Amino acid sequence: MPLARNWNQGISHIRWNDRLDPMNHHPFFPYDTTVIWDTTCFRVQKSRDWTFARNTVNGHYDFPCYLVLIGITFLGQIVYASGLMRSVAYDAHIFEDTAYLHPQFDWEMNIGDGHFATCPRFFTPEQATGGRTLSSAEATWNEWIQLPRSRIEHLNSVTKSHAMFRGEPFRGWVRNLKVFVNVSLHAAAAQQRMNQKNRGDRYAGFGPWRHGP
């Protein structure tokens, strides 16, 4: 663990400025949209002490876990990853509470699921609330949103495919889990960058042109 902690302090493969890559565009979102956001969960064993367990129990999931907020580009590059967040935290609140760590220009737009609908400058799916039926235009819009959003869902599955996150939920010190998660995310970012160099972009870019007005 001492070596892992030292490595964790110096590792730096997640680069926020990569969101301004001239090829970071999508045919459906050709201007201003720079980051796709989602939270992913990392399972843990339920603590016997409610002081800690209350941070990992959430009715949305069937298991105790911590959340991590992740942002990626249309090219699939990780540009932001938060620390461990309570599973009782709402995605929009996590985004807003960590905004100082991922500052954006006032023209930037983002993509997220319905949990980010309360955040300004977000494209999110239309919700069939109150039992109403979505119009054909709304259904088409949701398909447009889901097409690029599926890229971050794929990234989430890749990150959690590491052996330490499969099988039994994590048991141990939270500070150690934080190190494991952070190193894994930076390793995934480095792997994406290496694959891009050797094989080209996993997802085709659209451009090139500069971001912003």
N, C-alpha and C. Protein backbone atom coordinates (compact mmCIF):
# COMPACT_ATOMS: atom_id res chain seq x y z
N MET A 1 0.80 -1.22 0.00
CA MET A 1 0.00 0.00 0.00
C MET A 1 0.84 1.28 0.00
N PRO A 2 1.97 1.34 0.74
CA PRO A 2 2.77 2.58 0.68
C PRO A 2 3.17 2.93 -0.75
N LEU A 3 3.56 1.92 -1.56
CA LEU A 3 3.95 2.18 -2.93
C LEU A 3 2.74 2.66 -3.74
N ALA A 4 1.60 2.04 -3.52
CA ALA A 4 0.39 2.43 -4.24
C ALA A 4 0.00 3.87 -3.90
N ARG A 5 0.11 4.23 -2.61
CA ARG A 5 -0.22 5.60 -2.21
C ARG A 5 0.73 6.61 -2.83
N ASN A 6 2.01 6.29 -2.89
CA ASN A 6 2.97 7.18 -3.51
C ASN A 6 2.69 7.35 -5.00
N TRP A 7 2.36 6.24 -5.65
CA TRP A 7 2.03 6.29 -7.07
C TRP A 7 0.75 7.11 -7.28
N ASN A 8 -0.19 6.93 -6.39
CA ASN A 8 -1.46 7.64 -6.49
C ASN A 8 -1.27 9.16 -6.43
N GLN A 9 -0.31 9.60 -5.66
CA GLN A 9 -0.07 11.04 -5.52
C GLN A 9 0.56 11.65 -6.77
N GLY A 10 1.29 10.83 -7.54
CA GLY A 10 1.99 11.37 -8.69
C GLY A 10 1.35 11.06 -10.03
N ILE A 11 0.40 10.15 -10.06
CA ILE A 11 -0.20 9.73 -11.33
C ILE A 11 -1.04 10.86 -11.91
N SER A 12 -0.95 11.03 -13.23
CA SER A 12 -1.66 12.16 -13.86
C SER A 12 -1.94 11.86 -15.33
N HIS A 13 -2.91 11.00 -15.57
CA HIS A 13 -3.29 10.66 -16.94
C HIS A 13 -4.69 11.18 -17.30
N ILE A 14 -5.38 11.79 -16.34
CA ILE A 14 -6.70 12.37 -16.60
C ILE A 14 -6.50 13.87 -16.74
N ARG A 15 -6.77 14.38 -17.93
CA ARG A 15 -6.43 15.77 -18.25
C ARG A 15 -7.68 16.54 -18.67
N TRP A 16 -8.04 17.50 -17.85
CA TRP A 16 -9.27 18.26 -18.05
C TRP A 16 -9.25 19.03 -19.37
N ASN A 17 -8.12 19.53 -19.78
CA ASN A 17 -8.04 20.34 -21.00
C ASN A 17 -8.23 19.52 -22.28
N ASP A 18 -8.20 18.20 -22.17
CA ASP A 18 -8.42 17.35 -23.35
C ASP A 18 -9.82 17.54 -23.92
N ARG A 19 -10.73 18.10 -23.12
CA ARG A 19 -12.10 18.31 -23.61
C ARG A 19 -12.14 19.34 -24.74
N LEU A 20 -11.07 20.15 -24.88
CA LEU A 20 -11.02 21.18 -25.90
C LEU A 20 -10.30 20.71 -27.17
N ASP A 21 -10.09 19.41 -27.29
CA ASP A 21 -9.53 18.82 -28.50
C ASP A 21 -10.38 19.25 -29.70
N PRO A 22 -9.76 19.74 -30.79
CA PRO A 22 -10.53 20.18 -31.96
C PRO A 22 -11.41 19.09 -32.58
N MET A 23 -11.10 17.83 -32.28
CA MET A 23 -11.91 16.72 -32.81
C MET A 23 -12.99 16.26 -31.83
N ASN A 24 -13.06 16.90 -30.67
CA ASN A 24 -14.04 16.51 -29.67
C ASN A 24 -15.41 17.12 -29.98
N HIS A 25 -16.02 16.61 -31.05
CA HIS A 25 -17.35 17.03 -31.47
C HIS A 25 -18.11 15.79 -31.92
N HIS A 26 -19.41 15.93 -32.07
CA HIS A 26 -20.27 14.84 -32.51
C HIS A 26 -21.24 15.40 -33.56
N PRO A 27 -21.59 14.62 -34.58
CA PRO A 27 -22.51 15.13 -35.60
C PRO A 27 -23.82 15.67 -35.02
N PHE A 28 -24.31 15.07 -33.93
CA PHE A 28 -25.54 15.56 -33.31
C PHE A 28 -25.29 16.76 -32.40
N PHE A 29 -24.05 16.92 -31.95
CA PHE A 29 -23.69 18.02 -31.05
C PHE A 29 -22.38 18.65 -31.56
N PRO A 30 -22.46 19.36 -32.70
CA PRO A 30 -21.24 19.82 -33.38
C PRO A 30 -20.56 21.03 -32.74
N TYR A 31 -21.27 21.73 -31.85
CA TYR A 31 -20.68 22.93 -31.26
C TYR A 31 -20.91 22.97 -29.74
N ASP A 32 -19.93 23.47 -29.04
CA ASP A 32 -20.05 23.85 -27.62
C ASP A 32 -20.09 22.69 -26.63
N THR A 33 -20.67 21.54 -26.99
CA THR A 33 -20.76 20.42 -26.05
C THR A 33 -19.40 19.74 -25.93
N THR A 34 -18.89 19.64 -24.70
CA THR A 34 -17.51 19.16 -24.52
C THR A 34 -17.39 17.89 -23.67
N VAL A 35 -18.32 17.65 -22.74
CA VAL A 35 -18.14 16.54 -21.78
C VAL A 35 -19.43 15.74 -21.62
N ILE A 36 -19.28 14.44 -21.52
CA ILE A 36 -20.39 13.53 -21.19
C ILE A 36 -20.16 13.05 -19.76
N TRP A 37 -21.20 13.16 -18.92
CA TRP A 37 -21.07 12.88 -17.49
C TRP A 37 -21.92 11.71 -17.04
N ASP A 38 -21.43 11.02 -16.03
CA ASP A 38 -22.21 9.97 -15.37
C ASP A 38 -21.52 9.63 -14.04
N THR A 39 -22.26 9.00 -13.16
CA THR A 39 -21.63 8.44 -11.96
C THR A 39 -21.61 6.93 -12.10
N THR A 40 -20.59 6.32 -11.54
CA THR A 40 -20.50 4.87 -11.50
C THR A 40 -20.29 4.45 -10.05
N CYS A 41 -20.72 3.26 -9.72
CA CYS A 41 -20.66 2.81 -8.33
C CYS A 41 -19.61 1.72 -8.15
N PHE A 42 -19.01 1.71 -6.97
CA PHE A 42 -18.04 0.68 -6.58
C PHE A 42 -18.55 0.01 -5.31
N ARG A 43 -18.80 -1.27 -5.42
CA ARG A 43 -19.43 -2.00 -4.32
C ARG A 43 -18.51 -2.18 -3.13
N VAL A 44 -19.06 -2.09 -1.95
CA VAL A 44 -18.33 -2.34 -0.71
C VAL A 44 -19.20 -3.18 0.21
N GLN A 45 -18.57 -3.84 1.16
CA GLN A 45 -19.33 -4.57 2.15
C GLN A 45 -19.92 -3.60 3.16
N LYS A 46 -21.10 -3.88 3.62
CA LYS A 46 -21.77 -2.99 4.55
C LYS A 46 -21.06 -2.99 5.89
N SER A 47 -20.76 -1.80 6.35
CA SER A 47 -20.10 -1.66 7.64
C SER A 47 -21.07 -1.97 8.78
N ARG A 48 -20.55 -2.54 9.86
CA ARG A 48 -21.40 -2.79 11.04
C ARG A 48 -21.64 -1.51 11.82
N ASP A 49 -20.85 -0.50 11.54
CA ASP A 49 -20.98 0.79 12.21
C ASP A 49 -21.80 1.72 11.33
N TRP A 50 -22.97 2.14 11.79
CA TRP A 50 -23.87 2.97 10.99
C TRP A 50 -23.24 4.31 10.65
N THR A 51 -22.26 4.75 11.43
CA THR A 51 -21.55 5.99 11.13
C THR A 51 -20.98 5.95 9.72
N PHE A 52 -20.51 4.77 9.31
CA PHE A 52 -19.95 4.61 7.97
C PHE A 52 -20.98 4.03 7.00
N ALA A 53 -21.81 3.11 7.49
CA ALA A 53 -22.77 2.43 6.62
C ALA A 53 -23.78 3.40 6.01
N ARG A 54 -24.12 4.46 6.73
CA ARG A 54 -25.13 5.40 6.23
C ARG A 54 -24.67 6.12 4.96
N ASN A 55 -23.35 6.11 4.71
CA ASN A 55 -22.83 6.75 3.50
C ASN A 55 -22.84 5.84 2.28
N THR A 56 -23.12 4.56 2.48
CA THR A 56 -23.03 3.60 1.38
C THR A 56 -24.35 2.91 1.06
N VAL A 57 -25.39 3.20 1.84
CA VAL A 57 -26.69 2.53 1.64
C VAL A 57 -27.62 3.49 0.89
N ASN A 58 -28.19 2.99 -0.19
CA ASN A 58 -29.09 3.81 -1.00
C ASN A 58 -30.12 2.89 -1.63
N GLY A 59 -31.40 3.27 -1.54
CA GLY A 59 -32.45 2.44 -2.11
C GLY A 59 -32.36 2.30 -3.62
N HIS A 60 -31.61 3.20 -4.28
CA HIS A 60 -31.47 3.11 -5.73
C HIS A 60 -30.69 1.87 -6.13
N TYR A 61 -29.80 1.42 -5.25
CA TYR A 61 -29.01 0.22 -5.52
C TYR A 61 -29.40 -0.87 -4.52
N ASP A 62 -29.15 -2.10 -4.92
CA ASP A 62 -29.45 -3.23 -4.05
C ASP A 62 -28.24 -3.62 -3.20
N PHE A 63 -27.21 -2.77 -3.20
CA PHE A 63 -25.98 -3.13 -2.49
C PHE A 63 -25.30 -1.84 -2.01
N PRO A 64 -24.52 -1.93 -0.93
CA PRO A 64 -23.75 -0.76 -0.46
C PRO A 64 -22.66 -0.42 -1.47
N CYS A 65 -22.41 0.87 -1.65
CA CYS A 65 -21.41 1.29 -2.62
C CYS A 65 -21.01 2.74 -2.39
N TYR A 66 -19.96 3.15 -3.06
CA TYR A 66 -19.57 4.55 -3.17
C TYR A 66 -19.71 4.95 -4.64
N LEU A 67 -19.96 6.23 -4.88
CA LEU A 67 -20.10 6.74 -6.24
C LEU A 67 -18.86 7.53 -6.65
N VAL A 68 -18.59 7.52 -7.95
CA VAL A 68 -17.53 8.35 -8.52
C VAL A 68 -18.11 9.05 -9.74
N LEU A 69 -17.96 10.37 -9.80
CA LEU A 69 -18.42 11.14 -10.95
C LEU A 69 -17.33 11.13 -12.02
N ILE A 70 -17.71 10.76 -13.24
CA ILE A 70 -16.75 10.65 -14.34
C ILE A 70 -17.22 11.50 -15.51
N GLY A 71 -16.27 12.19 -16.14
CA GLY A 71 -16.54 12.95 -17.35
C GLY A 71 -15.63 12.48 -18.46
N ILE A 72 -16.18 12.26 -19.66
CA ILE A 72 -15.38 11.85 -20.80
C ILE A 72 -15.71 12.72 -22.01
N THR A 73 -14.87 12.65 -23.02
CA THR A 73 -15.11 13.37 -24.26
C THR A 73 -15.84 12.46 -25.25
N PHE A 74 -16.23 13.03 -26.39
CA PHE A 74 -16.84 12.22 -27.44
C PHE A 74 -15.86 11.19 -27.97
N LEU A 75 -14.56 11.44 -27.81
CA LEU A 75 -13.53 10.50 -28.26
C LEU A 75 -13.29 9.37 -27.27
N GLY A 76 -13.95 9.45 -26.11
CA GLY A 76 -13.80 8.41 -25.10
C GLY A 76 -12.69 8.66 -24.11
N GLN A 77 -12.08 9.84 -24.15
CA GLN A 77 -10.99 10.16 -23.22
C GLN A 77 -11.56 10.64 -21.88
N ILE A 78 -11.04 10.09 -20.78
CA ILE A 78 -11.47 10.53 -19.45
C ILE A 78 -10.84 11.89 -19.17
N VAL A 79 -11.67 12.87 -18.82
CA VAL A 79 -11.15 14.20 -18.53
C VAL A 79 -11.40 14.61 -17.08
N TYR A 80 -12.24 13.85 -16.37
CA TYR A 80 -12.45 14.15 -14.95
C TYR A 80 -12.92 12.89 -14.23
N ALA A 81 -12.44 12.72 -13.00
CA ALA A 81 -12.91 11.65 -12.12
C ALA A 81 -12.84 12.18 -10.69
N SER A 82 -13.95 12.14 -10.01
CA SER A 82 -14.00 12.64 -8.63
C SER A 82 -13.43 11.61 -7.67
N GLY A 83 -13.36 11.99 -6.41
CA GLY A 83 -13.05 11.02 -5.37
C GLY A 83 -14.30 10.21 -5.04
N LEU A 84 -14.23 9.41 -3.99
CA LEU A 84 -15.38 8.61 -3.57
C LEU A 84 -16.45 9.52 -2.97
N MET A 85 -17.69 9.35 -3.43
CA MET A 85 -18.82 10.13 -2.95
C MET A 85 -19.85 9.20 -2.29
N ARG A 86 -20.57 9.74 -1.35
CA ARG A 86 -21.62 8.95 -0.69
C ARG A 86 -22.65 8.49 -1.72
N SER A 87 -23.10 7.27 -1.58
CA SER A 87 -24.10 6.77 -2.53
C SER A 87 -25.45 7.43 -2.33
N VAL A 88 -25.63 8.13 -1.20
CA VAL A 88 -26.89 8.84 -0.98
C VAL A 88 -26.87 10.21 -1.66
N ALA A 89 -25.74 10.59 -2.25
CA ALA A 89 -25.64 11.88 -2.93
C ALA A 89 -26.29 11.79 -4.31
N TYR A 90 -26.92 12.88 -4.73
CA TYR A 90 -27.57 12.95 -6.03
C TYR A 90 -26.54 13.38 -7.08
N ASP A 91 -26.63 12.80 -8.28
CA ASP A 91 -25.64 13.08 -9.31
C ASP A 91 -25.47 14.57 -9.57
N ALA A 92 -26.58 15.28 -9.68
CA ALA A 92 -26.52 16.72 -9.95
C ALA A 92 -25.81 17.47 -8.83
N HIS A 93 -26.05 17.04 -7.59
CA HIS A 93 -25.40 17.70 -6.45
C HIS A 93 -23.90 17.42 -6.45
N ILE A 94 -23.51 16.21 -6.81
CA ILE A 94 -22.08 15.90 -6.88
C ILE A 94 -21.42 16.77 -7.94
N PHE A 95 -22.07 16.91 -9.09
CA PHE A 95 -21.52 17.74 -10.16
C PHE A 95 -21.34 19.18 -9.69
N GLU A 96 -22.36 19.72 -9.04
CA GLU A 96 -22.30 21.12 -8.62
C GLU A 96 -21.32 21.32 -7.46
N ASP A 97 -21.26 20.35 -6.56
CA ASP A 97 -20.34 20.48 -5.41
C ASP A 97 -18.88 20.37 -5.82
N THR A 98 -18.61 19.71 -6.94
CA THR A 98 -17.22 19.55 -7.40
C THR A 98 -16.90 20.49 -8.56
N ALA A 99 -17.78 21.44 -8.85
CA ALA A 99 -17.62 22.29 -10.04
C ALA A 99 -16.30 23.05 -10.03
N TYR A 100 -15.82 23.39 -8.85
CA TYR A 100 -14.55 24.14 -8.79
C TYR A 100 -13.36 23.29 -9.25
N LEU A 101 -13.54 21.98 -9.30
CA LEU A 101 -12.48 21.08 -9.75
C LEU A 101 -12.53 20.84 -11.26
N HIS A 102 -13.65 21.17 -11.88
CA HIS A 102 -13.76 21.03 -13.34
C HIS A 102 -14.42 22.29 -13.93
N PRO A 103 -13.73 23.43 -13.81
CA PRO A 103 -14.30 24.70 -14.28
C PRO A 103 -14.52 24.69 -15.79
N GLN A 104 -15.62 25.31 -16.21
CA GLN A 104 -15.96 25.38 -17.63
C GLN A 104 -16.21 26.82 -18.06
N PHE A 105 -16.06 27.05 -19.35
CA PHE A 105 -16.40 28.35 -19.90
C PHE A 105 -17.93 28.49 -19.91
N ASP A 106 -18.41 29.73 -19.96
CA ASP A 106 -19.85 29.93 -19.88
C ASP A 106 -20.60 29.46 -21.12
N TRP A 107 -19.87 29.15 -22.20
CA TRP A 107 -20.52 28.66 -23.42
C TRP A 107 -20.57 27.13 -23.48
N GLU A 108 -19.90 26.46 -22.58
CA GLU A 108 -19.82 24.99 -22.66
C GLU A 108 -21.13 24.32 -22.27
N MET A 109 -21.44 23.27 -23.00
CA MET A 109 -22.61 22.44 -22.71
C MET A 109 -22.14 21.02 -22.37
N ASN A 110 -23.01 20.29 -21.68
CA ASN A 110 -22.69 18.93 -21.24
C ASN A 110 -23.83 17.98 -21.60
N ILE A 111 -23.53 16.70 -21.54
CA ILE A 111 -24.53 15.65 -21.76
C ILE A 111 -24.58 14.77 -20.52
N GLY A 112 -25.77 14.43 -20.08
CA GLY A 112 -25.93 13.55 -18.93
C GLY A 112 -27.28 12.87 -18.96
N ASP A 113 -27.52 11.97 -18.04
CA ASP A 113 -28.83 11.33 -17.96
C ASP A 113 -29.79 12.23 -17.17
N GLY A 114 -30.97 11.71 -16.88
CA GLY A 114 -31.99 12.52 -16.23
C GLY A 114 -31.61 13.04 -14.86
N HIS A 115 -30.62 12.43 -14.21
CA HIS A 115 -30.20 12.88 -12.89
C HIS A 115 -29.50 14.24 -12.93
N PHE A 116 -29.11 14.68 -14.13
CA PHE A 116 -28.45 15.98 -14.27
C PHE A 116 -29.40 17.05 -14.80
N ALA A 117 -30.69 16.73 -14.86
CA ALA A 117 -31.65 17.65 -15.48
C ALA A 117 -31.75 18.99 -14.74
N THR A 118 -31.41 19.01 -13.46
CA THR A 118 -31.51 20.25 -12.70
C THR A 118 -30.28 21.13 -12.84
N CYS A 119 -29.25 20.64 -13.51
CA CYS A 119 -28.03 21.42 -13.69
C CYS A 119 -28.15 22.30 -14.93
N PRO A 120 -27.68 23.53 -14.86
CA PRO A 120 -27.68 24.38 -16.06
C PRO A 120 -26.69 23.88 -17.09
N ARG A 121 -26.93 24.21 -18.35
CA ARG A 121 -26.04 23.89 -19.46
C ARG A 121 -25.85 22.38 -19.63
N PHE A 122 -26.94 21.63 -19.48
CA PHE A 122 -26.92 20.17 -19.68
C PHE A 122 -27.97 19.76 -20.69
N PHE A 123 -27.58 18.89 -21.61
CA PHE A 123 -28.54 18.21 -22.47
C PHE A 123 -28.88 16.88 -21.78
N THR A 124 -30.14 16.66 -21.49
CA THR A 124 -30.58 15.44 -20.82
C THR A 124 -31.81 14.87 -21.53
N PRO A 125 -32.11 13.59 -21.34
CA PRO A 125 -33.28 12.99 -21.99
C PRO A 125 -34.58 13.57 -21.45
N GLU A 126 -35.59 13.54 -22.30
CA GLU A 126 -36.94 13.89 -21.87
C GLU A 126 -37.49 12.76 -21.02
N GLN A 127 -38.22 13.12 -19.95
CA GLN A 127 -38.75 12.13 -19.02
C GLN A 127 -40.26 11.95 -19.21
N ALA A 128 -40.68 10.71 -19.19
CA ALA A 128 -42.12 10.41 -19.30
C ALA A 128 -42.74 10.44 -17.91
N THR A 129 -42.72 11.62 -17.29
CA THR A 129 -43.23 11.76 -15.94
C THR A 129 -44.75 11.90 -15.93
N GLY A 130 -45.34 11.55 -14.81
CA GLY A 130 -46.79 11.68 -14.67
C GLY A 130 -47.58 10.78 -15.59
N GLY A 131 -46.93 9.75 -16.09
CA GLY A 131 -47.63 8.80 -16.95
C GLY A 131 -47.85 9.27 -18.37
N ARG A 132 -47.29 10.42 -18.71
CA ARG A 132 -47.50 10.92 -20.07
C ARG A 132 -46.66 10.14 -21.07
N THR A 133 -47.06 10.19 -22.34
CA THR A 133 -46.35 9.51 -23.41
C THR A 133 -45.47 10.50 -24.14
N LEU A 134 -44.25 10.11 -24.39
CA LEU A 134 -43.33 10.99 -25.11
C LEU A 134 -43.79 11.17 -26.55
N SER A 135 -43.61 12.37 -27.05
CA SER A 135 -43.92 12.63 -28.46
C SER A 135 -42.83 12.00 -29.32
N SER A 136 -43.09 11.92 -30.61
CA SER A 136 -42.10 11.33 -31.52
C SER A 136 -40.82 12.16 -31.53
N ALA A 137 -40.97 13.49 -31.43
CA ALA A 137 -39.80 14.36 -31.39
C ALA A 137 -38.99 14.12 -30.12
N GLU A 138 -39.67 13.94 -28.99
CA GLU A 138 -38.98 13.68 -27.72
C GLU A 138 -38.29 12.33 -27.75
N ALA A 139 -38.95 11.32 -28.33
CA ALA A 139 -38.34 9.99 -28.43
C ALA A 139 -37.09 10.03 -29.31
N THR A 140 -37.16 10.81 -30.39
CA THR A 140 -35.99 10.95 -31.26
C THR A 140 -34.86 11.66 -30.53
N TRP A 141 -35.21 12.71 -29.78
CA TRP A 141 -34.20 13.43 -29.00
C TRP A 141 -33.51 12.50 -28.01
N ASN A 142 -34.26 11.64 -27.35
CA ASN A 142 -33.68 10.70 -26.39
C ASN A 142 -32.72 9.73 -27.07
N GLU A 143 -33.05 9.33 -28.29
CA GLU A 143 -32.15 8.46 -29.05
C GLU A 143 -30.86 9.19 -29.38
N TRP A 144 -30.97 10.47 -29.73
CA TRP A 144 -29.78 11.27 -30.02
C TRP A 144 -28.89 11.39 -28.79
N ILE A 145 -29.53 11.58 -27.63
CA ILE A 145 -28.77 11.72 -26.38
C ILE A 145 -28.08 10.40 -26.03
N GLN A 146 -28.81 9.30 -26.17
CA GLN A 146 -28.29 8.01 -25.74
C GLN A 146 -27.13 7.53 -26.59
N LEU A 147 -27.10 7.91 -27.85
CA LEU A 147 -26.05 7.43 -28.74
C LEU A 147 -24.66 7.82 -28.22
N PRO A 148 -24.38 9.10 -27.97
CA PRO A 148 -23.06 9.41 -27.40
C PRO A 148 -22.95 9.04 -25.92
N ARG A 149 -24.08 9.05 -25.18
CA ARG A 149 -24.02 8.76 -23.75
C ARG A 149 -23.62 7.31 -23.49
N SER A 150 -23.90 6.44 -24.43
CA SER A 150 -23.53 5.02 -24.24
C SER A 150 -22.02 4.86 -24.13
N ARG A 151 -21.27 5.86 -24.58
CA ARG A 151 -19.81 5.76 -24.53
C ARG A 151 -19.30 5.80 -23.09
N ILE A 152 -19.93 6.60 -22.25
CA ILE A 152 -19.48 6.65 -20.86
C ILE A 152 -19.95 5.41 -20.11
N GLU A 153 -21.08 4.84 -20.50
CA GLU A 153 -21.51 3.60 -19.87
C GLU A 153 -20.53 2.47 -20.20
N HIS A 154 -20.01 2.48 -21.41
CA HIS A 154 -18.98 1.50 -21.77
C HIS A 154 -17.72 1.71 -20.95
N LEU A 155 -17.32 2.98 -20.78
CA LEU A 155 -16.13 3.29 -19.98
C LEU A 155 -16.30 2.83 -18.55
N ASN A 156 -17.50 3.01 -18.00
CA ASN A 156 -17.77 2.56 -16.63
C ASN A 156 -17.56 1.05 -16.51
N SER A 157 -18.04 0.30 -17.48
CA SER A 157 -17.90 -1.15 -17.42
C SER A 157 -16.44 -1.57 -17.57
N VAL A 158 -15.67 -0.85 -18.38
CA VAL A 158 -14.25 -1.16 -18.55
C VAL A 158 -13.50 -0.91 -17.25
N THR A 159 -13.80 0.21 -16.59
CA THR A 159 -13.12 0.55 -15.34
C THR A 159 -13.36 -0.50 -14.27
N LYS A 160 -14.58 -0.99 -14.20
CA LYS A 160 -14.92 -1.95 -13.14
C LYS A 160 -14.65 -3.39 -13.54
N SER A 161 -14.04 -3.59 -14.69
CA SER A 161 -13.70 -4.96 -15.10
C SER A 161 -12.42 -5.44 -14.43
N HIS A 162 -11.73 -4.53 -13.73
CA HIS A 162 -10.52 -4.92 -13.00
C HIS A 162 -10.85 -5.99 -11.97
N ALA A 163 -9.94 -6.93 -11.80
CA ALA A 163 -10.19 -8.08 -10.92
C ALA A 163 -10.59 -7.66 -9.51
N MET A 164 -10.02 -6.56 -9.00
CA MET A 164 -10.31 -6.17 -7.62
C MET A 164 -11.74 -5.68 -7.43
N PHE A 165 -12.43 -5.33 -8.55
CA PHE A 165 -13.79 -4.84 -8.44
C PHE A 165 -14.83 -5.89 -8.85
N ARG A 166 -14.35 -7.08 -9.21
CA ARG A 166 -15.27 -8.17 -9.56
C ARG A 166 -15.38 -9.13 -8.38
N GLY A 167 -16.42 -9.92 -8.38
CA GLY A 167 -16.59 -10.88 -7.31
C GLY A 167 -17.10 -10.23 -6.04
N GLU A 168 -16.42 -10.50 -4.93
CA GLU A 168 -16.86 -10.00 -3.63
C GLU A 168 -16.70 -8.48 -3.55
N PRO A 169 -17.64 -7.80 -2.89
CA PRO A 169 -17.49 -6.35 -2.69
C PRO A 169 -16.23 -6.04 -1.89
N PHE A 170 -15.70 -4.84 -2.08
CA PHE A 170 -14.48 -4.44 -1.41
C PHE A 170 -14.68 -4.44 0.10
N ARG A 171 -13.67 -4.94 0.80
CA ARG A 171 -13.68 -4.92 2.26
C ARG A 171 -12.34 -4.37 2.73
N GLY A 172 -12.37 -3.30 3.47
CA GLY A 172 -11.13 -2.71 3.96
C GLY A 172 -11.30 -1.23 4.21
N TRP A 173 -10.17 -0.54 4.35
CA TRP A 173 -10.19 0.88 4.63
C TRP A 173 -10.66 1.66 3.41
N VAL A 174 -11.51 2.65 3.65
CA VAL A 174 -12.00 3.49 2.55
C VAL A 174 -10.85 4.22 1.88
N ARG A 175 -9.86 4.65 2.66
CA ARG A 175 -8.73 5.36 2.07
C ARG A 175 -7.96 4.47 1.10
N ASN A 176 -7.95 3.16 1.34
CA ASN A 176 -7.30 2.25 0.40
C ASN A 176 -8.14 2.09 -0.86
N LEU A 177 -9.46 1.99 -0.70
CA LEU A 177 -10.35 1.90 -1.86
C LEU A 177 -10.19 3.13 -2.74
N LYS A 178 -10.08 4.29 -2.11
CA LYS A 178 -9.89 5.54 -2.87
C LYS A 178 -8.65 5.46 -3.74
N VAL A 179 -7.56 4.90 -3.19
CA VAL A 179 -6.33 4.75 -3.96
C VAL A 179 -6.54 3.79 -5.13
N PHE A 180 -7.16 2.64 -4.87
CA PHE A 180 -7.38 1.63 -5.92
C PHE A 180 -8.23 2.20 -7.05
N VAL A 181 -9.30 2.90 -6.69
CA VAL A 181 -10.20 3.46 -7.70
C VAL A 181 -9.48 4.52 -8.53
N ASN A 182 -8.75 5.40 -7.86
CA ASN A 182 -8.07 6.48 -8.57
C ASN A 182 -7.01 5.93 -9.53
N VAL A 183 -6.22 4.98 -9.06
CA VAL A 183 -5.20 4.39 -9.91
C VAL A 183 -5.84 3.68 -11.10
N SER A 184 -6.94 2.98 -10.86
CA SER A 184 -7.62 2.26 -11.94
C SER A 184 -8.16 3.22 -13.00
N LEU A 185 -8.71 4.36 -12.56
CA LEU A 185 -9.24 5.34 -13.51
C LEU A 185 -8.13 5.98 -14.32
N HIS A 186 -7.03 6.31 -13.67
CA HIS A 186 -5.90 6.88 -14.41
C HIS A 186 -5.29 5.84 -15.36
N ALA A 187 -5.27 4.59 -14.94
CA ALA A 187 -4.77 3.53 -15.81
C ALA A 187 -5.67 3.37 -17.03
N ALA A 188 -6.99 3.47 -16.82
CA ALA A 188 -7.93 3.39 -17.94
C ALA A 188 -7.71 4.56 -18.90
N ALA A 189 -7.45 5.76 -18.34
CA ALA A 189 -7.19 6.93 -19.18
C ALA A 189 -5.91 6.74 -19.99
N ALA A 190 -4.88 6.20 -19.34
CA ALA A 190 -3.62 5.96 -20.04
C ALA A 190 -3.79 4.92 -21.14
N GLN A 191 -4.59 3.87 -20.85
CA GLN A 191 -4.83 2.83 -21.84
C GLN A 191 -5.59 3.39 -23.04
N GLN A 192 -6.57 4.24 -22.78
CA GLN A 192 -7.32 4.87 -23.87
C GLN A 192 -6.39 5.71 -24.74
N ARG A 193 -5.50 6.45 -24.11
CA ARG A 193 -4.57 7.30 -24.86
C ARG A 193 -3.60 6.45 -25.67
N MET A 194 -3.14 5.34 -25.10
CA MET A 194 -2.22 4.46 -25.82
C MET A 194 -2.93 3.80 -27.01
N ASN A 195 -4.18 3.36 -26.79
CA ASN A 195 -4.94 2.76 -27.88
C ASN A 195 -5.19 3.76 -29.00
N GLN A 196 -5.46 5.02 -28.61
CA GLN A 196 -5.68 6.06 -29.60
C GLN A 196 -4.44 6.26 -30.46
N LYS A 197 -3.26 6.22 -29.83
CA LYS A 197 -2.01 6.41 -30.55
C LYS A 197 -1.71 5.23 -31.47
N ASN A 198 -1.98 4.01 -31.00
CA ASN A 198 -1.61 2.82 -31.76
C ASN A 198 -2.67 2.38 -32.76
N ARG A 199 -3.95 2.60 -32.41
CA ARG A 199 -5.03 2.07 -33.26
C ARG A 199 -5.96 3.14 -33.80
N GLY A 200 -5.75 4.38 -33.34
CA GLY A 200 -6.69 5.43 -33.72
C GLY A 200 -7.80 5.55 -32.69
N ASP A 201 -8.65 6.54 -32.87
CA ASP A 201 -9.72 6.79 -31.91
C ASP A 201 -10.70 5.63 -31.88
N ARG A 202 -11.13 5.25 -30.67
CA ARG A 202 -12.16 4.23 -30.53
C ARG A 202 -13.47 4.75 -31.11
N TYR A 203 -13.72 6.02 -30.85
CA TYR A 203 -14.91 6.67 -31.39
C TYR A 203 -14.45 7.77 -32.34
N ALA A 204 -15.03 7.81 -33.51
CA ALA A 204 -14.62 8.78 -34.51
C ALA A 204 -14.93 10.20 -34.03
N GLY A 205 -13.95 11.08 -34.18
CA GLY A 205 -14.17 12.47 -33.86
C GLY A 205 -14.93 13.16 -34.99
N PHE A 206 -15.29 14.39 -34.75
CA PHE A 206 -16.01 15.18 -35.74
C PHE A 206 -15.40 16.57 -35.71
N GLY A 207 -14.85 17.00 -36.83
CA GLY A 207 -14.14 18.28 -36.86
C GLY A 207 -13.09 18.22 -37.97
N PRO A 208 -11.95 18.89 -37.80
CA PRO A 208 -11.58 19.64 -36.58
C PRO A 208 -11.99 21.12 -36.65
N TRP A 209 -12.42 21.65 -35.54
CA TRP A 209 -12.58 23.09 -35.39
C TRP A 209 -12.54 23.42 -33.91
N ARG A 210 -12.23 24.66 -33.63
CA ARG A 210 -12.03 25.10 -32.25
C ARG A 210 -13.36 25.15 -31.51
N HIS A 211 -13.29 25.04 -30.21
CA HIS A 211 -14.46 25.19 -29.35
C HIS A 211 -14.67 26.65 -29.00
N GLY A 212 -15.89 26.94 -28.65
CA GLY A 212 -16.17 28.28 -28.15
C GLY A 212 -16.56 29.26 -29.22
N PRO A 213 -16.96 30.46 -28.80
CA PRO A 213 -17.42 31.47 -29.73
C PRO A 213 -16.27 32.05 -30.57
